[in-house]
Amino acid sequence: MSPEFTLYLIKEFQKLKELEQQTTYSLERQAKRSFSTTNYEIHTNAIKKQLGKLKLPKFKQQIV
């Protein structure tokens, strides 16, 4: 193989690896965001449920 072609193959392989890493990172980030959103909702609902049992004034319950 010619040196030019070898260099071309190496550069194309590097581009493909970078694209693969970006896609993997994007999927991981999307999954983490989804989990954190769900986790936030679960915690918020649990706090609201506990506040309802405490008989707090309505204006303090609305803070959450």
Protein backbone atom coordinates (compact mmCIF):
# COMPACT_ATOMS: atom_id res chain seq x y z
CA MET A 1 0.00 0.00 0.00
CA SER A 2 1.13 3.50 -0.69
CA PRO A 3 1.95 5.80 2.25
CA GLU A 4 -0.79 8.22 1.17
CA PHE A 5 -3.42 5.50 1.24
CA THR A 6 -2.20 4.23 4.61
CA LEU A 7 -2.41 7.75 6.04
CA TYR A 8 -5.92 8.11 4.59
CA LEU A 9 -7.02 4.84 6.23
CA ILE A 10 -5.60 5.87 9.59
CA LYS A 11 -7.34 9.26 9.50
CA GLU A 12 -10.68 7.74 8.50
CA PHE A 13 -10.40 5.15 11.27
CA GLN A 14 -9.69 7.93 13.80
CA LYS A 15 -12.74 9.87 12.58
CA LEU A 16 -14.93 6.80 13.01
CA LYS A 17 -13.61 6.18 16.53
CA GLU A 18 -14.28 9.82 17.52
CA LEU A 19 -17.80 9.63 16.12
CA GLU A 20 -18.43 6.40 18.04
CA GLN A 21 -17.21 7.98 21.29
CA GLN A 22 -19.43 11.03 20.79
CA THR A 23 -22.48 8.85 20.17
CA THR A 24 -21.76 6.73 23.25
CA TYR A 25 -21.24 9.85 25.36
CA SER A 26 -24.49 11.32 24.08
CA LEU A 27 -26.46 8.18 24.97
CA GLU A 28 -24.90 8.01 28.43
CA ARG A 29 -25.65 11.67 29.06
CA GLN A 30 -29.24 11.26 27.90
CA ALA A 31 -29.72 8.26 30.20
CA LYS A 32 -28.25 10.13 33.18
CA ARG A 33 -30.52 13.11 32.54
CA SER A 34 -33.55 10.84 32.34
CA PHE A 35 -32.64 9.08 35.60
CA SER A 36 -32.00 12.34 37.41
CA THR A 37 -35.34 13.78 36.26
CA THR A 38 -37.19 10.70 37.47
CA ASN A 39 -35.25 10.70 40.74
CA TYR A 40 -36.11 14.38 41.31
CA GLU A 41 -39.82 13.70 40.80
CA ILE A 42 -39.77 10.74 43.20
CA HIS A 43 -38.03 12.77 45.92
CA THR A 44 -40.30 15.77 45.45
CA ASN A 45 -43.43 13.64 45.69
CA ALA A 46 -42.13 11.92 48.83
CA ILE A 47 -41.44 15.29 50.46
CA LYS A 48 -44.90 16.57 49.55
CA LYS A 49 -46.46 13.44 51.02
CA GLN A 50 -44.56 13.92 54.30
CA LEU A 51 -45.47 17.61 54.46
CA GLY A 52 -49.13 16.72 54.15
CA LYS A 53 -48.85 14.65 57.34
CA LEU A 54 -47.27 17.51 59.30
CA LYS A 55 -50.28 19.85 59.15
CA LEU A 56 -48.24 22.85 58.07
CA PRO A 57 -49.90 26.09 57.04
CA LYS A 58 -50.80 26.19 53.36
CA PHE A 59 -48.31 28.95 52.49
CA LYS A 60 -45.43 26.83 53.84
CA GLN A 61 -46.59 23.76 51.91
CA GLN A 62 -46.52 25.75 48.68
CA ILE A 63 -42.79 26.41 49.07
CA VAL A 64 -42.12 22.90 47.84
